[in-house]
């Protein structure tokens, strides 16, 4: 892929300077995590913006290239691959926002100032507008035809939440000891495992969510 000057400040959690190849690798990891995670993860807006700039730069380089240059074909294939990852990543996030709108907005309203926001400003605006549109649609289509005592919707009963107890495949990026994968119950004791780098497992997502966020594991 074409060279890109180092990009500073991709996010507070990332290294301060990354090459284009490293940014693409991070974006692909974010894409896989988002694709296979049952919940909406932290938005990687900086990575998306960086790769969009990279695509624009590569397209400009193609325009300046000589006709018949074989490298043009390779660059076009690389651009198509980047665009696929970008569009798939954004579609995954959009689908989750539409599926769990009220839950996501509830999380956002309860978020502390020091907590990480999982929505980009554009996604937050979309989520609010989508929730308002769906509420209006439901009232006009169904609720207004029902008895007065049944026209109010209880958010606790209507909010759809992601299934954090679903199982996921993962690859370990960092040695991590003492991961509590099953809490103690009346029938069984707690289960604690040590994760070794490059190992692959299938486990419940909930006890691994923090490790996905930190990058210690990647969903596959």
N, C-alpha and C. Protein backbone atom coordinates (compact mmCIF):
# COMPACT_ATOMS: atom_id res chain seq x y z
N UNK A 1 0.84 -1.17 0.00
CA UNK A 1 0.00 0.00 0.00
C UNK A 1 0.88 1.23 0.00
N UNK A 2 0.35 2.35 -0.43
CA UNK A 2 1.14 3.56 -0.54
C UNK A 2 1.58 4.04 0.83
N UNK A 3 2.75 4.72 0.85
CA UNK A 3 3.25 5.23 2.11
C UNK A 3 2.43 6.41 2.57
N UNK A 4 2.35 6.58 3.87
CA UNK A 4 1.64 7.71 4.46
C UNK A 4 2.47 8.24 5.60
N UNK A 5 2.54 9.56 5.74
CA UNK A 5 3.26 10.13 6.86
C UNK A 5 2.65 9.64 8.15
N UNK A 6 3.44 9.58 9.20
CA UNK A 6 2.96 9.10 10.48
C UNK A 6 1.83 9.97 10.98
N UNK A 7 0.84 9.33 11.56
CA UNK A 7 -0.35 10.02 12.03
C UNK A 7 -0.31 10.10 13.55
N UNK A 8 -0.36 11.30 14.09
CA UNK A 8 -0.30 11.49 15.53
C UNK A 8 -1.69 11.46 16.14
N UNK A 9 -1.77 10.94 17.39
CA UNK A 9 -2.99 11.02 18.15
C UNK A 9 -4.16 10.27 17.56
N UNK A 10 -3.95 9.02 17.12
CA UNK A 10 -5.05 8.23 16.58
C UNK A 10 -6.15 8.11 17.62
N UNK A 11 -5.79 7.87 18.87
CA UNK A 11 -6.71 7.91 19.99
C UNK A 11 -5.88 7.92 21.25
N UNK A 12 -6.52 8.19 22.36
CA UNK A 12 -5.80 8.22 23.63
C UNK A 12 -5.28 6.84 24.00
N UNK A 13 -5.92 5.80 23.45
CA UNK A 13 -5.53 4.44 23.81
C UNK A 13 -4.48 3.87 22.86
N UNK A 14 -4.25 4.53 21.73
CA UNK A 14 -3.32 4.01 20.74
C UNK A 14 -1.96 4.66 20.89
N UNK A 15 -0.99 4.15 20.20
CA UNK A 15 0.32 4.79 20.18
C UNK A 15 0.21 6.14 19.52
N UNK A 16 1.16 7.03 19.83
CA UNK A 16 1.05 8.41 19.35
C UNK A 16 1.36 8.53 17.86
N UNK A 17 2.13 7.62 17.32
CA UNK A 17 2.46 7.72 15.90
C UNK A 17 2.32 6.35 15.26
N UNK A 18 1.63 6.29 14.12
CA UNK A 18 1.39 5.04 13.43
C UNK A 18 1.58 5.23 11.94
N UNK A 19 2.12 4.21 11.28
CA UNK A 19 2.21 4.24 9.83
C UNK A 19 0.87 3.83 9.24
N UNK A 20 0.72 4.02 7.93
CA UNK A 20 -0.53 3.67 7.27
C UNK A 20 -0.84 2.18 7.42
N UNK A 21 0.18 1.33 7.31
CA UNK A 21 -0.02 -0.10 7.47
C UNK A 21 -0.50 -0.46 8.86
N UNK A 22 0.05 0.22 9.87
CA UNK A 22 -0.37 -0.04 11.26
C UNK A 22 -1.80 0.43 11.49
N UNK A 23 -2.16 1.57 10.90
CA UNK A 23 -3.52 2.07 11.03
C UNK A 23 -4.50 1.09 10.40
N UNK A 24 -4.16 0.57 9.22
CA UNK A 24 -5.04 -0.40 8.56
C UNK A 24 -5.17 -1.67 9.40
N UNK A 25 -4.08 -2.13 9.99
CA UNK A 25 -4.13 -3.31 10.84
C UNK A 25 -5.05 -3.07 12.04
N UNK A 26 -4.94 -1.89 12.66
CA UNK A 26 -5.79 -1.56 13.79
C UNK A 26 -7.26 -1.48 13.37
N UNK A 27 -7.49 -0.93 12.18
CA UNK A 27 -8.86 -0.83 11.68
C UNK A 27 -9.44 -2.22 11.41
N UNK A 28 -8.64 -3.12 10.86
CA UNK A 28 -9.12 -4.47 10.59
C UNK A 28 -9.44 -5.20 11.89
N UNK A 29 -8.63 -4.98 12.94
CA UNK A 29 -8.92 -5.56 14.25
C UNK A 29 -10.22 -5.01 14.81
N UNK A 30 -10.40 -3.68 14.68
CA UNK A 30 -11.63 -3.05 15.15
C UNK A 30 -12.84 -3.59 14.39
N UNK A 31 -12.66 -3.82 13.08
CA UNK A 31 -13.73 -4.37 12.24
C UNK A 31 -14.13 -5.77 12.70
N UNK A 32 -13.15 -6.64 12.93
CA UNK A 32 -13.45 -8.00 13.37
C UNK A 32 -14.10 -8.00 14.75
N UNK A 33 -13.58 -7.18 15.66
CA UNK A 33 -14.18 -7.09 16.99
C UNK A 33 -15.63 -6.63 16.90
N UNK A 34 -15.87 -5.61 16.07
CA UNK A 34 -17.23 -5.09 15.94
C UNK A 34 -18.15 -6.11 15.29
N UNK A 35 -17.61 -6.82 14.32
CA UNK A 35 -18.40 -7.80 13.58
C UNK A 35 -18.86 -8.94 14.47
N UNK A 36 -18.01 -9.39 15.37
CA UNK A 36 -18.31 -10.58 16.16
C UNK A 36 -18.72 -10.27 17.60
N UNK A 37 -18.62 -9.03 18.03
CA UNK A 37 -19.06 -8.67 19.37
C UNK A 37 -20.57 -8.50 19.40
N UNK A 38 -21.23 -8.99 20.46
CA UNK A 38 -22.69 -8.80 20.53
C UNK A 38 -23.09 -7.37 20.87
N UNK A 39 -22.19 -6.57 21.44
CA UNK A 39 -22.52 -5.20 21.83
C UNK A 39 -21.77 -4.20 20.96
N UNK A 40 -22.21 -2.95 20.99
CA UNK A 40 -21.54 -1.88 20.27
C UNK A 40 -20.27 -1.50 21.01
N UNK A 41 -19.15 -1.48 20.30
CA UNK A 41 -17.86 -1.16 20.91
C UNK A 41 -17.53 0.31 20.71
N UNK A 42 -16.41 0.72 21.26
CA UNK A 42 -15.97 2.11 21.13
C UNK A 42 -15.75 2.46 19.67
N UNK A 43 -16.22 3.63 19.29
CA UNK A 43 -16.07 4.09 17.90
C UNK A 43 -14.60 4.41 17.60
N UNK A 44 -14.12 3.93 16.47
CA UNK A 44 -12.75 4.19 16.03
C UNK A 44 -12.76 5.24 14.91
N UNK A 45 -13.33 6.39 15.20
CA UNK A 45 -13.49 7.44 14.20
C UNK A 45 -12.15 7.89 13.63
N UNK A 46 -11.14 8.01 14.49
CA UNK A 46 -9.83 8.48 14.04
C UNK A 46 -9.22 7.53 13.01
N UNK A 47 -9.39 6.22 13.23
CA UNK A 47 -8.86 5.25 12.28
C UNK A 47 -9.61 5.34 10.95
N UNK A 48 -10.93 5.49 11.02
CA UNK A 48 -11.73 5.60 9.80
C UNK A 48 -11.33 6.84 9.00
N UNK A 49 -11.23 7.98 9.69
CA UNK A 49 -10.86 9.23 9.01
C UNK A 49 -9.48 9.12 8.38
N UNK A 50 -8.56 8.48 9.09
CA UNK A 50 -7.19 8.34 8.58
C UNK A 50 -7.17 7.51 7.30
N UNK A 51 -7.92 6.39 7.30
CA UNK A 51 -7.92 5.53 6.12
C UNK A 51 -8.66 6.17 4.95
N UNK A 52 -9.68 6.99 5.23
CA UNK A 52 -10.34 7.72 4.14
C UNK A 52 -9.37 8.70 3.49
N UNK A 53 -8.55 9.35 4.30
CA UNK A 53 -7.52 10.24 3.75
C UNK A 53 -6.51 9.45 2.94
N UNK A 54 -6.17 8.25 3.41
CA UNK A 54 -5.22 7.41 2.69
C UNK A 54 -5.77 6.99 1.34
N UNK A 55 -7.05 6.63 1.29
CA UNK A 55 -7.69 6.24 0.03
C UNK A 55 -7.66 7.41 -0.96
N UNK A 56 -7.98 8.60 -0.46
CA UNK A 56 -7.94 9.79 -1.32
C UNK A 56 -6.55 10.02 -1.87
N UNK A 57 -5.53 9.86 -1.03
CA UNK A 57 -4.15 10.05 -1.47
C UNK A 57 -3.76 9.00 -2.52
N UNK A 58 -4.16 7.75 -2.30
CA UNK A 58 -3.85 6.70 -3.26
C UNK A 58 -4.53 6.95 -4.60
N UNK A 59 -5.77 7.44 -4.56
CA UNK A 59 -6.47 7.73 -5.81
C UNK A 59 -5.78 8.87 -6.58
N UNK A 60 -5.27 9.86 -5.85
CA UNK A 60 -4.53 10.94 -6.51
C UNK A 60 -3.23 10.41 -7.13
N UNK A 61 -2.57 9.49 -6.45
CA UNK A 61 -1.35 8.90 -6.98
C UNK A 61 -1.64 8.10 -8.26
N UNK A 62 -2.79 7.43 -8.31
CA UNK A 62 -3.17 6.66 -9.49
C UNK A 62 -3.38 7.58 -10.68
N UNK A 63 -4.00 8.73 -10.43
CA UNK A 63 -4.24 9.68 -11.52
C UNK A 63 -2.94 10.18 -12.14
N UNK A 64 -1.89 10.26 -11.30
CA UNK A 64 -0.60 10.77 -11.79
C UNK A 64 0.28 9.67 -12.38
N UNK A 65 -0.14 8.42 -12.22
CA UNK A 65 0.68 7.29 -12.69
C UNK A 65 0.60 7.17 -14.21
N UNK A 66 1.62 6.56 -14.79
CA UNK A 66 1.65 6.35 -16.24
C UNK A 66 0.64 5.28 -16.63
N UNK A 67 0.05 5.44 -17.79
CA UNK A 67 -0.89 4.45 -18.29
C UNK A 67 -0.16 3.12 -18.52
N UNK A 68 -0.82 2.04 -18.11
CA UNK A 68 -0.23 0.72 -18.29
C UNK A 68 0.67 0.29 -17.16
N UNK A 69 0.89 1.17 -16.19
CA UNK A 69 1.73 0.82 -15.04
C UNK A 69 1.03 -0.26 -14.23
N UNK A 70 1.70 -1.41 -14.05
CA UNK A 70 1.08 -2.54 -13.34
C UNK A 70 0.78 -2.20 -11.89
N UNK A 71 1.54 -1.27 -11.31
CA UNK A 71 1.30 -0.90 -9.91
C UNK A 71 -0.07 -0.27 -9.72
N UNK A 72 -0.62 0.30 -10.79
CA UNK A 72 -1.96 0.90 -10.70
C UNK A 72 -2.99 -0.17 -10.35
N UNK A 73 -2.86 -1.34 -10.97
CA UNK A 73 -3.80 -2.44 -10.69
C UNK A 73 -3.72 -2.84 -9.22
N UNK A 74 -2.49 -2.94 -8.70
CA UNK A 74 -2.31 -3.32 -7.30
C UNK A 74 -2.90 -2.28 -6.36
N UNK A 75 -2.69 -1.01 -6.69
CA UNK A 75 -3.22 0.06 -5.85
C UNK A 75 -4.75 0.06 -5.87
N UNK A 76 -5.33 -0.22 -7.04
CA UNK A 76 -6.80 -0.25 -7.11
C UNK A 76 -7.36 -1.41 -6.29
N UNK A 77 -6.68 -2.54 -6.32
CA UNK A 77 -7.11 -3.68 -5.51
C UNK A 77 -7.02 -3.35 -4.03
N UNK A 78 -5.96 -2.65 -3.64
CA UNK A 78 -5.79 -2.26 -2.24
C UNK A 78 -6.86 -1.27 -1.82
N UNK A 79 -7.19 -0.33 -2.70
CA UNK A 79 -8.25 0.64 -2.40
C UNK A 79 -9.59 -0.07 -2.21
N UNK A 80 -9.87 -1.04 -3.08
CA UNK A 80 -11.13 -1.79 -2.96
C UNK A 80 -11.18 -2.55 -1.63
N UNK A 81 -10.05 -3.11 -1.23
CA UNK A 81 -10.00 -3.85 0.03
C UNK A 81 -10.25 -2.92 1.22
N UNK A 82 -9.62 -1.76 1.21
CA UNK A 82 -9.80 -0.80 2.30
C UNK A 82 -11.24 -0.32 2.37
N UNK A 83 -11.81 -0.03 1.19
CA UNK A 83 -13.21 0.43 1.16
C UNK A 83 -14.15 -0.64 1.69
N UNK A 84 -13.87 -1.90 1.37
CA UNK A 84 -14.72 -2.98 1.88
C UNK A 84 -14.67 -3.04 3.41
N UNK A 85 -13.47 -2.96 3.98
CA UNK A 85 -13.32 -3.00 5.44
C UNK A 85 -14.04 -1.81 6.08
N UNK A 86 -13.86 -0.63 5.51
CA UNK A 86 -14.50 0.57 6.05
C UNK A 86 -16.02 0.46 6.01
N UNK A 87 -16.56 0.08 4.85
CA UNK A 87 -18.02 0.02 4.72
C UNK A 87 -18.61 -1.08 5.59
N UNK A 88 -17.94 -2.23 5.68
CA UNK A 88 -18.43 -3.32 6.52
C UNK A 88 -18.39 -2.93 7.98
N UNK A 89 -17.33 -2.27 8.40
CA UNK A 89 -17.21 -1.81 9.79
C UNK A 89 -18.35 -0.86 10.15
N UNK A 90 -18.60 0.12 9.28
CA UNK A 90 -19.64 1.11 9.55
C UNK A 90 -21.03 0.48 9.49
N UNK A 91 -21.23 -0.49 8.58
CA UNK A 91 -22.52 -1.17 8.51
C UNK A 91 -22.79 -1.98 9.77
N UNK A 92 -21.76 -2.65 10.29
CA UNK A 92 -21.92 -3.43 11.53
C UNK A 92 -22.37 -2.52 12.67
N UNK A 93 -21.75 -1.36 12.77
CA UNK A 93 -22.10 -0.42 13.85
C UNK A 93 -23.52 0.11 13.65
N UNK A 94 -23.86 0.45 12.41
CA UNK A 94 -25.19 0.98 12.14
C UNK A 94 -26.27 -0.06 12.47
N UNK A 95 -26.02 -1.31 12.14
CA UNK A 95 -26.98 -2.37 12.43
C UNK A 95 -27.20 -2.51 13.93
N UNK A 96 -26.14 -2.43 14.72
CA UNK A 96 -26.27 -2.53 16.17
C UNK A 96 -27.01 -1.33 16.74
N UNK A 97 -26.72 -0.15 16.23
CA UNK A 97 -27.42 1.06 16.71
C UNK A 97 -28.91 0.94 16.44
N UNK A 98 -29.29 0.42 15.28
CA UNK A 98 -30.70 0.26 14.96
C UNK A 98 -31.34 -0.84 15.81
N UNK A 99 -30.59 -1.88 16.15
CA UNK A 99 -31.13 -3.00 16.91
C UNK A 99 -31.26 -2.67 18.40
N UNK A 100 -30.32 -1.91 18.93
CA UNK A 100 -30.28 -1.65 20.38
C UNK A 100 -30.33 -0.15 20.69
N UNK A 101 -31.11 0.59 19.93
CA UNK A 101 -31.11 2.05 20.03
C UNK A 101 -31.35 2.54 21.45
N UNK A 102 -32.44 2.12 22.05
CA UNK A 102 -32.78 2.62 23.39
C UNK A 102 -31.75 2.21 24.42
N UNK A 103 -31.23 1.01 24.31
CA UNK A 103 -30.21 0.53 25.24
C UNK A 103 -28.95 1.37 25.11
N UNK A 104 -28.54 1.65 23.90
CA UNK A 104 -27.33 2.44 23.66
C UNK A 104 -27.50 3.87 24.15
N UNK A 105 -28.66 4.46 23.90
CA UNK A 105 -28.92 5.83 24.38
C UNK A 105 -29.01 5.86 25.91
N UNK A 106 -29.52 4.80 26.49
CA UNK A 106 -29.56 4.71 27.96
C UNK A 106 -28.16 4.65 28.53
N UNK A 107 -27.29 3.86 27.90
CA UNK A 107 -25.90 3.81 28.34
C UNK A 107 -25.23 5.17 28.22
N UNK A 108 -25.52 5.88 27.14
CA UNK A 108 -24.93 7.19 26.91
C UNK A 108 -25.39 8.19 27.96
N UNK A 109 -26.66 8.12 28.34
CA UNK A 109 -27.17 9.05 29.35
C UNK A 109 -26.60 8.78 30.73
N UNK A 110 -26.21 7.52 30.97
CA UNK A 110 -25.64 7.15 32.28
C UNK A 110 -24.13 7.21 32.29
N UNK A 111 -23.53 7.56 31.16
CA UNK A 111 -22.07 7.58 31.06
C UNK A 111 -21.47 8.70 31.89
N UNK A 112 -20.44 8.37 32.67
CA UNK A 112 -19.72 9.37 33.43
C UNK A 112 -18.75 10.12 32.52
N UNK A 113 -18.32 11.27 32.96
CA UNK A 113 -17.46 12.10 32.13
C UNK A 113 -16.16 11.40 31.77
N UNK A 114 -15.65 10.57 32.70
CA UNK A 114 -14.38 9.90 32.44
C UNK A 114 -14.55 8.61 31.64
N UNK A 115 -15.78 8.17 31.42
CA UNK A 115 -16.03 6.95 30.67
C UNK A 115 -15.88 7.20 29.16
N UNK A 116 -15.51 6.14 28.46
CA UNK A 116 -15.34 6.23 27.00
C UNK A 116 -16.71 6.24 26.33
N UNK A 117 -16.91 7.16 25.40
CA UNK A 117 -18.15 7.21 24.63
C UNK A 117 -18.06 6.22 23.48
N UNK A 118 -19.06 5.36 23.32
CA UNK A 118 -19.04 4.36 22.27
C UNK A 118 -19.60 4.86 20.95
N UNK A 119 -20.20 6.06 20.97
CA UNK A 119 -20.79 6.62 19.77
C UNK A 119 -19.99 7.82 19.28
N UNK A 120 -19.84 7.91 17.97
CA UNK A 120 -19.30 9.13 17.39
C UNK A 120 -20.41 10.19 17.43
N UNK A 121 -20.09 11.47 17.30
CA UNK A 121 -21.15 12.50 17.30
C UNK A 121 -22.22 12.24 16.24
N UNK A 122 -21.80 11.79 15.05
CA UNK A 122 -22.76 11.51 13.99
C UNK A 122 -23.65 10.32 14.35
N UNK A 123 -23.06 9.29 14.96
CA UNK A 123 -23.84 8.13 15.37
C UNK A 123 -24.82 8.49 16.47
N UNK A 124 -24.41 9.35 17.39
CA UNK A 124 -25.29 9.77 18.48
C UNK A 124 -26.50 10.51 17.92
N UNK A 125 -26.25 11.40 16.98
CA UNK A 125 -27.35 12.14 16.34
C UNK A 125 -28.29 11.18 15.62
N UNK A 126 -27.72 10.23 14.88
CA UNK A 126 -28.54 9.24 14.16
C UNK A 126 -29.37 8.42 15.15
N UNK A 127 -28.76 7.98 16.25
CA UNK A 127 -29.47 7.14 17.23
C UNK A 127 -30.66 7.88 17.82
N UNK A 128 -30.49 9.15 18.16
CA UNK A 128 -31.60 9.93 18.73
C UNK A 128 -32.72 10.12 17.71
N UNK A 129 -32.35 10.44 16.48
CA UNK A 129 -33.36 10.63 15.44
C UNK A 129 -34.07 9.32 15.11
N UNK A 130 -33.33 8.22 15.09
CA UNK A 130 -33.91 6.91 14.79
C UNK A 130 -34.89 6.51 15.89
N UNK A 131 -34.51 6.73 17.16
CA UNK A 131 -35.38 6.39 18.28
C UNK A 131 -36.67 7.21 18.24
N UNK A 132 -36.54 8.50 17.95
CA UNK A 132 -37.73 9.37 17.87
C UNK A 132 -38.64 8.95 16.73
N UNK A 133 -38.04 8.60 15.58
CA UNK A 133 -38.84 8.18 14.42
C UNK A 133 -39.57 6.88 14.70
N UNK A 134 -38.89 5.91 15.33
CA UNK A 134 -39.52 4.63 15.63
C UNK A 134 -40.63 4.80 16.67
N UNK A 135 -40.43 5.67 17.64
CA UNK A 135 -41.47 5.91 18.64
C UNK A 135 -42.71 6.53 18.00
N UNK A 136 -42.51 7.52 17.14
CA UNK A 136 -43.63 8.15 16.43
C UNK A 136 -44.34 7.14 15.54
N UNK A 137 -43.56 6.32 14.84
CA UNK A 137 -44.14 5.30 13.96
C UNK A 137 -44.98 4.32 14.77
N UNK A 138 -44.48 3.88 15.91
CA UNK A 138 -45.20 2.92 16.75
C UNK A 138 -46.50 3.51 17.28
N UNK A 139 -46.45 4.78 17.69
CA UNK A 139 -47.66 5.43 18.21
C UNK A 139 -48.71 5.56 17.12
N UNK A 140 -48.29 5.99 15.93
CA UNK A 140 -49.26 6.21 14.85
C UNK A 140 -49.81 4.91 14.29
N UNK A 141 -48.96 3.87 14.29
CA UNK A 141 -49.36 2.62 13.66
C UNK A 141 -50.13 1.71 14.60
N UNK A 142 -49.76 1.70 15.89
CA UNK A 142 -50.32 0.72 16.81
C UNK A 142 -50.97 1.35 18.04
N UNK A 143 -50.21 2.12 18.79
CA UNK A 143 -50.65 2.52 20.13
C UNK A 143 -51.91 3.37 20.13
N UNK A 144 -52.06 4.22 19.15
CA UNK A 144 -53.23 5.10 19.16
C UNK A 144 -54.54 4.34 18.92
N UNK A 145 -54.43 3.10 18.44
CA UNK A 145 -55.62 2.28 18.22
C UNK A 145 -55.94 1.41 19.44
N UNK A 146 -55.13 1.47 20.46
CA UNK A 146 -55.31 0.63 21.63
C UNK A 146 -55.99 1.41 22.75
N UNK A 147 -56.55 0.71 23.77
CA UNK A 147 -57.18 1.40 24.90
C UNK A 147 -56.20 2.35 25.58
N UNK A 148 -56.67 3.44 26.18
CA UNK A 148 -55.80 4.44 26.79
C UNK A 148 -54.81 3.86 27.79
N UNK A 149 -55.23 2.85 28.56
CA UNK A 149 -54.34 2.29 29.58
C UNK A 149 -53.22 1.44 28.99
N UNK A 150 -53.26 1.19 27.67
CA UNK A 150 -52.23 0.39 27.02
C UNK A 150 -51.41 1.20 26.02
N UNK A 151 -51.60 2.51 25.99
CA UNK A 151 -50.92 3.33 24.99
C UNK A 151 -49.52 3.77 25.42
N UNK A 152 -49.17 3.58 26.69
CA UNK A 152 -47.84 3.96 27.16
C UNK A 152 -46.90 2.77 27.05
N UNK A 153 -45.68 3.03 26.60
CA UNK A 153 -44.68 1.96 26.48
C UNK A 153 -43.70 2.06 27.64
N UNK A 154 -43.49 0.94 28.31
CA UNK A 154 -42.53 0.88 29.41
C UNK A 154 -41.16 0.54 28.84
N UNK A 155 -40.18 1.46 28.92
CA UNK A 155 -38.85 1.19 28.36
C UNK A 155 -38.21 -0.07 28.91
N UNK A 156 -38.49 -0.39 30.18
CA UNK A 156 -37.89 -1.59 30.78
C UNK A 156 -38.36 -2.86 30.09
N UNK A 157 -39.58 -2.81 29.55
CA UNK A 157 -40.13 -3.99 28.90
C UNK A 157 -39.90 -4.01 27.39
N UNK A 158 -39.66 -2.85 26.81
CA UNK A 158 -39.54 -2.78 25.34
C UNK A 158 -38.10 -2.65 24.85
N UNK A 159 -37.18 -2.29 25.75
CA UNK A 159 -35.79 -2.09 25.33
C UNK A 159 -35.13 -3.43 25.01
N UNK A 160 -34.55 -3.53 23.83
CA UNK A 160 -33.83 -4.73 23.41
C UNK A 160 -32.35 -4.55 23.76
N UNK A 161 -31.77 -5.54 24.43
CA UNK A 161 -30.38 -5.45 24.87
C UNK A 161 -29.56 -6.56 24.22
N UNK A 162 -28.29 -6.32 23.97
CA UNK A 162 -27.43 -7.37 23.38
C UNK A 162 -27.23 -8.52 24.35
N UNK A 163 -27.06 -9.70 23.80
CA UNK A 163 -26.84 -10.90 24.61
C UNK A 163 -25.35 -11.04 24.92
N UNK A 164 -24.93 -10.53 26.07
CA UNK A 164 -23.52 -10.56 26.44
C UNK A 164 -23.06 -11.95 26.86
N UNK A 165 -23.98 -12.88 27.03
CA UNK A 165 -23.61 -14.25 27.40
C UNK A 165 -23.42 -15.14 26.18
N UNK A 166 -23.51 -14.59 24.99
CA UNK A 166 -23.27 -15.38 23.78
C UNK A 166 -21.78 -15.73 23.69
N UNK A 167 -21.50 -16.80 22.96
CA UNK A 167 -20.12 -17.29 22.86
C UNK A 167 -19.43 -16.71 21.62
N UNK A 168 -18.14 -16.45 21.76
CA UNK A 168 -17.36 -15.86 20.68
C UNK A 168 -16.04 -16.62 20.54
N UNK A 169 -15.49 -16.58 19.32
CA UNK A 169 -14.15 -17.08 19.07
C UNK A 169 -13.16 -15.93 19.27
N UNK A 170 -12.01 -16.22 19.83
CA UNK A 170 -11.04 -15.17 20.08
C UNK A 170 -9.61 -15.67 19.89
N UNK A 171 -8.73 -14.72 19.58
CA UNK A 171 -7.29 -14.97 19.53
C UNK A 171 -6.63 -14.09 20.57
N UNK A 172 -5.71 -14.67 21.34
CA UNK A 172 -5.06 -13.94 22.42
C UNK A 172 -3.86 -13.16 21.88
N UNK A 173 -3.82 -11.86 22.15
CA UNK A 173 -2.72 -11.01 21.71
C UNK A 173 -1.67 -10.80 22.79
N UNK A 174 -2.08 -10.90 24.05
CA UNK A 174 -1.17 -10.68 25.17
C UNK A 174 -1.41 -11.74 26.23
N UNK A 175 -0.35 -12.23 26.87
CA UNK A 175 -0.51 -13.16 27.99
C UNK A 175 -1.34 -12.48 29.08
N UNK A 176 -2.41 -13.13 29.49
CA UNK A 176 -3.30 -12.58 30.51
C UNK A 176 -3.65 -13.68 31.50
N UNK A 177 -3.24 -13.51 32.74
CA UNK A 177 -3.48 -14.52 33.76
C UNK A 177 -4.70 -14.16 34.61
N UNK A 178 -5.32 -15.22 35.14
CA UNK A 178 -6.40 -15.03 36.12
C UNK A 178 -7.67 -14.43 35.56
N UNK A 179 -8.10 -14.88 34.39
CA UNK A 179 -9.35 -14.37 33.81
C UNK A 179 -10.52 -15.19 34.36
N UNK A 180 -11.43 -14.50 35.03
CA UNK A 180 -12.61 -15.17 35.60
C UNK A 180 -13.65 -15.35 34.51
N UNK A 181 -13.78 -16.57 34.00
CA UNK A 181 -14.72 -16.82 32.89
C UNK A 181 -16.07 -17.32 33.38
N UNK A 182 -16.13 -17.90 34.56
CA UNK A 182 -17.39 -18.36 35.14
C UNK A 182 -17.39 -18.04 36.63
N UNK A 183 -18.42 -17.32 37.09
CA UNK A 183 -18.52 -17.01 38.51
C UNK A 183 -19.05 -18.20 39.28
N UNK A 184 -18.78 -18.21 40.57
CA UNK A 184 -19.21 -19.32 41.44
C UNK A 184 -20.72 -19.33 41.58
N UNK A 185 -21.31 -20.51 41.49
CA UNK A 185 -22.75 -20.69 41.68
C UNK A 185 -22.99 -21.75 42.75
N UNK A 186 -24.26 -22.02 43.05
CA UNK A 186 -24.58 -23.05 44.04
C UNK A 186 -24.17 -24.43 43.56
N UNK A 187 -24.15 -24.61 42.24
CA UNK A 187 -23.84 -25.93 41.68
C UNK A 187 -22.38 -26.10 41.28
N UNK A 188 -21.72 -25.02 40.90
CA UNK A 188 -20.34 -25.12 40.43
C UNK A 188 -19.48 -24.03 41.05
N UNK A 189 -18.18 -24.27 41.08
CA UNK A 189 -17.26 -23.26 41.56
C UNK A 189 -16.86 -22.32 40.45
N UNK A 190 -16.13 -21.28 40.81
CA UNK A 190 -15.69 -20.32 39.79
C UNK A 190 -14.62 -20.96 38.91
N UNK A 191 -14.56 -20.47 37.67
CA UNK A 191 -13.58 -20.98 36.71
C UNK A 191 -12.67 -19.84 36.28
N UNK A 192 -11.37 -20.00 36.54
CA UNK A 192 -10.38 -18.99 36.19
C UNK A 192 -9.37 -19.61 35.24
N UNK A 193 -9.05 -18.90 34.15
CA UNK A 193 -8.12 -19.43 33.17
C UNK A 193 -7.02 -18.41 32.91
N UNK A 194 -5.89 -18.93 32.44
CA UNK A 194 -4.77 -18.09 31.99
C UNK A 194 -4.74 -18.12 30.47
N UNK A 195 -4.72 -16.96 29.86
CA UNK A 195 -4.70 -16.86 28.40
C UNK A 195 -3.28 -16.61 27.94
N UNK A 196 -2.80 -17.43 27.02
CA UNK A 196 -1.45 -17.29 26.50
C UNK A 196 -1.48 -16.75 25.07
N UNK A 197 -0.52 -15.91 24.76
CA UNK A 197 -0.46 -15.25 23.45
C UNK A 197 -0.54 -16.27 22.31
N UNK A 198 -1.31 -15.92 21.28
CA UNK A 198 -1.51 -16.70 20.05
C UNK A 198 -2.44 -17.89 20.23
N UNK A 199 -2.90 -18.16 21.47
CA UNK A 199 -3.89 -19.22 21.66
C UNK A 199 -5.25 -18.76 21.12
N UNK A 200 -6.08 -19.72 20.73
CA UNK A 200 -7.44 -19.42 20.28
C UNK A 200 -8.43 -20.16 21.14
N UNK A 201 -9.53 -19.50 21.47
CA UNK A 201 -10.53 -20.09 22.37
C UNK A 201 -11.92 -19.73 21.89
N UNK A 202 -12.91 -20.46 22.44
CA UNK A 202 -14.30 -20.07 22.33
C UNK A 202 -14.83 -19.92 23.75
N UNK A 203 -15.33 -18.73 24.09
CA UNK A 203 -15.75 -18.42 25.44
C UNK A 203 -16.94 -17.48 25.43
N UNK A 204 -17.56 -17.34 26.60
CA UNK A 204 -18.61 -16.35 26.75
C UNK A 204 -18.02 -14.95 26.60
N UNK A 205 -18.78 -14.06 25.96
CA UNK A 205 -18.25 -12.73 25.68
C UNK A 205 -18.14 -11.86 26.93
N UNK A 206 -19.10 -11.94 27.82
CA UNK A 206 -19.19 -10.98 28.93
C UNK A 206 -17.91 -10.87 29.75
N UNK A 207 -17.31 -11.97 30.21
CA UNK A 207 -16.08 -11.83 31.00
C UNK A 207 -14.87 -11.38 30.18
N UNK A 208 -15.00 -11.35 28.85
CA UNK A 208 -13.89 -10.97 27.99
C UNK A 208 -14.01 -9.56 27.44
N UNK A 209 -15.13 -8.90 27.71
CA UNK A 209 -15.40 -7.60 27.08
C UNK A 209 -14.30 -6.58 27.36
N UNK A 210 -13.80 -6.56 28.60
CA UNK A 210 -12.74 -5.61 28.94
C UNK A 210 -11.45 -5.93 28.19
N UNK A 211 -11.18 -7.22 27.95
CA UNK A 211 -9.98 -7.62 27.23
C UNK A 211 -10.08 -7.26 25.75
N UNK A 212 -11.30 -7.31 25.20
CA UNK A 212 -11.50 -6.88 23.82
C UNK A 212 -11.24 -5.38 23.71
N UNK A 213 -11.75 -4.63 24.67
CA UNK A 213 -11.56 -3.17 24.66
C UNK A 213 -10.09 -2.80 24.78
N UNK A 214 -9.35 -3.50 25.63
CA UNK A 214 -7.94 -3.18 25.85
C UNK A 214 -7.03 -3.68 24.72
N UNK A 215 -7.55 -4.61 23.89
CA UNK A 215 -6.74 -5.16 22.81
C UNK A 215 -5.99 -6.41 23.20
N UNK A 216 -6.20 -6.92 24.42
CA UNK A 216 -5.52 -8.12 24.87
C UNK A 216 -5.97 -9.34 24.07
N UNK A 217 -7.20 -9.31 23.59
CA UNK A 217 -7.71 -10.38 22.73
C UNK A 217 -8.41 -9.74 21.53
N UNK A 218 -8.47 -10.48 20.43
CA UNK A 218 -9.19 -10.05 19.24
C UNK A 218 -10.21 -11.12 18.88
N UNK A 219 -11.43 -10.71 18.56
CA UNK A 219 -12.45 -11.65 18.14
C UNK A 219 -12.20 -12.07 16.70
N UNK A 220 -12.48 -13.32 16.39
CA UNK A 220 -12.21 -13.85 15.05
C UNK A 220 -13.41 -14.65 14.55
